[in-house]
Structure formats: structure tokens, C-alpha cells
Amino acid sequence: VDPCYNYTSLDEPWRATDSYNYNNNYYHGMCDYNVEWNGWYRLFYNGQNAQMPESCVNYGMCGTYYPLSLNGSHPQLEDGVVTRQVCLSTSGNCCDYRSHPIRVKACPGDYYVY
């Protein structure tokens, strides 16, 4: 099944790169530790297509302590499914930890699935 048409939507506003989630002297960062990552995912922001950032995201953004970014560029339609590393930003390093590789695919309609 083509992942461009068979994915789970991630559309929570706190995932945005400008979401700091710091209120009343208390940082309440979100975490996906309880998500059973399985299958493909598509990002939305305010109902519009969104994509993982390709460059460093500051520590504490995206509604979490350690935001993630793609370590490399997004593929073109003709590339099919590609493999990329994901970087984790810490207070002192833009790519302190590299995750297990993820798969990324460009889809017709100018969006990506991960």
C-alpha cells in the first residue's frame, strides 16, 4: 500500500517549531514516549501541509525539551522512499543524538510522509 495514502496524521499545534510551551514559570514539555510508532505519518499545522525541519531547532521548542529535525534534505517525488537520520537538539548541540534511520517519501500534492 502506498504510504502517501495510508498514514496517521500528526496535527497537534504544540509540535510547531515556534511552540515553546512555557507558562507561569513552569515548562510543561510534551513527549511521545507513549506513542507506539508504527507505520507512516503526515504532519499538518493549522490544517496545512507541514514537514520536519531540515536544520537545527532550538532546545525547548516544538513543545518539548529535545526537538527533532531531519539530518538531510527531503526527497523529490522521483526519489521514492529514502532513508534519513533524525537529530535531537540539546542545550549545547544541534545534533547531539542521531536516531535509528527513518523512511521519508515525497507525495503528490506537495507533502511528505515519514
Protein backbone atom coordinates (compact mmCIF):
# COMPACT_ATOMS: atom_id res chain seq x y z
CA VAL A 1 0.00 0.00 0.00
CA ASP A 2 1.35 3.43 -0.96
CA PRO A 3 2.19 5.35 2.25
CA CYS A 4 1.11 8.60 0.55
CA TYR A 5 -2.46 7.42 1.01
CA ASN A 6 -2.16 5.28 4.12
CA TYR A 7 -0.78 7.32 7.04
CA THR A 8 -1.59 8.63 10.50
CA SER A 9 -1.99 12.40 10.81
CA LEU A 10 0.03 14.36 13.37
CA ASP A 11 -1.66 17.73 13.72
CA GLU A 12 -1.16 18.86 17.30
CA PRO A 13 -0.29 22.60 17.37
CA TRP A 14 2.33 22.06 20.08
CA ARG A 15 4.55 20.27 17.54
CA ALA A 16 5.28 23.57 15.72
CA THR A 17 8.85 24.87 15.71
CA ASP A 18 7.67 28.11 17.36
CA SER A 19 5.86 26.34 20.21
CA TYR A 20 7.79 26.84 23.43
CA ASN A 21 5.11 25.73 25.94
CA TYR A 22 6.48 27.77 28.81
CA ASN A 23 3.79 29.27 31.02
CA ASN A 24 3.75 30.66 34.56
CA ASN A 25 7.39 29.82 35.28
CA TYR A 26 6.78 26.17 34.52
CA TYR A 27 7.92 24.32 31.44
CA HIS A 28 5.44 21.60 30.51
CA GLY A 29 7.07 19.86 27.57
CA MET A 30 5.28 17.21 25.62
CA CYS A 31 6.76 13.80 24.91
CA ASP A 32 5.92 10.95 22.55
CA TYR A 33 7.26 8.21 24.82
CA ASN A 34 3.82 6.61 24.99
CA VAL A 35 3.27 6.53 21.22
CA GLU A 36 3.64 3.17 19.51
CA TRP A 37 5.31 4.45 16.38
CA ASN A 38 4.13 2.13 13.65
CA GLY A 39 3.50 2.87 10.00
CA TRP A 40 3.68 6.21 8.22
CA TYR A 41 2.92 9.72 9.49
CA ARG A 42 1.98 13.02 7.83
CA LEU A 43 2.42 16.40 9.53
CA PHE A 44 -0.13 19.21 9.49
CA TYR A 45 -0.12 22.67 11.04
CA ASN A 46 -3.39 24.63 11.16
CA GLY A 47 -4.80 22.25 8.55
CA GLN A 48 -1.92 22.88 6.12
CA ASN A 49 0.85 20.52 5.00
CA ALA A 50 3.88 20.67 7.25
CA GLN A 51 7.25 18.95 7.21
CA MET A 52 10.06 18.16 9.59
CA PRO A 53 12.65 20.94 9.76
CA GLU A 54 15.88 20.23 7.87
CA SER A 55 18.01 22.32 10.18
CA CYS A 56 18.57 22.68 13.87
CA VAL A 57 15.58 23.51 16.05
CA ASN A 58 16.43 25.27 19.30
CA TYR A 59 16.31 23.28 22.52
CA GLY A 60 12.93 23.66 24.20
CA MET A 61 10.94 24.27 21.02
CA CYS A 62 8.30 22.08 19.30
CA GLY A 63 6.59 21.76 22.65
CA THR A 64 9.34 19.54 24.06
CA TYR A 65 12.73 19.68 25.71
CA TYR A 66 14.56 17.92 22.87
CA PRO A 67 13.10 18.77 19.44
CA LEU A 68 13.85 16.67 16.38
CA SER A 69 14.97 17.66 12.90
CA LEU A 70 15.77 15.78 9.73
CA ASN A 71 19.51 15.32 9.21
CA GLY A 72 19.45 15.82 5.45
CA SER A 73 17.12 17.09 2.80
CA HIS A 74 13.65 15.88 1.93
CA PRO A 75 13.41 13.69 -1.17
CA GLN A 76 11.91 14.60 -4.53
CA LEU A 77 8.92 12.70 -5.94
CA GLU A 78 11.15 10.67 -8.25
CA ASP A 79 13.37 9.53 -5.35
CA GLY A 80 10.74 7.23 -3.89
CA VAL A 81 11.33 6.19 -0.28
CA VAL A 82 14.65 7.40 1.15
CA THR A 83 16.34 6.81 4.49
CA ARG A 84 17.35 9.72 6.74
CA GLN A 85 18.72 10.19 10.23
CA VAL A 86 16.89 12.35 12.77
CA CYS A 87 18.78 14.76 15.03
CA LEU A 88 17.87 15.64 18.60
CA SER A 89 18.70 19.17 19.76
CA THR A 90 20.03 19.68 23.27
CA SER A 91 21.01 22.87 25.06
CA GLY A 92 24.57 22.55 23.77
CA ASN A 93 24.36 20.69 20.48
CA CYS A 94 22.19 20.80 17.38
CA CYS A 95 22.59 17.11 16.60
CA ASP A 96 23.56 15.54 19.89
CA TYR A 97 21.91 12.20 19.18
CA ARG A 98 21.11 10.51 15.93
CA SER A 99 18.15 8.18 15.98
CA HIS A 100 17.64 4.98 14.17
CA PRO A 101 17.10 5.80 10.50
CA ILE A 102 13.60 6.75 9.38
CA ARG A 103 12.00 6.49 5.97
CA VAL A 104 10.72 9.57 4.13
CA LYS A 105 8.69 9.81 0.94
CA ALA A 106 7.60 12.82 -1.13
CA CYS A 107 3.97 12.58 -2.20
CA PRO A 108 1.89 14.13 -4.99
CA GLY A 109 0.23 17.24 -3.59
CA ASP A 110 3.49 18.61 -2.12
CA TYR A 111 3.63 16.78 1.19
CA TYR A 112 5.78 14.16 2.88
CA VAL A 113 5.18 11.04 4.88
CA TYR A 114 7.62 9.69 7.47
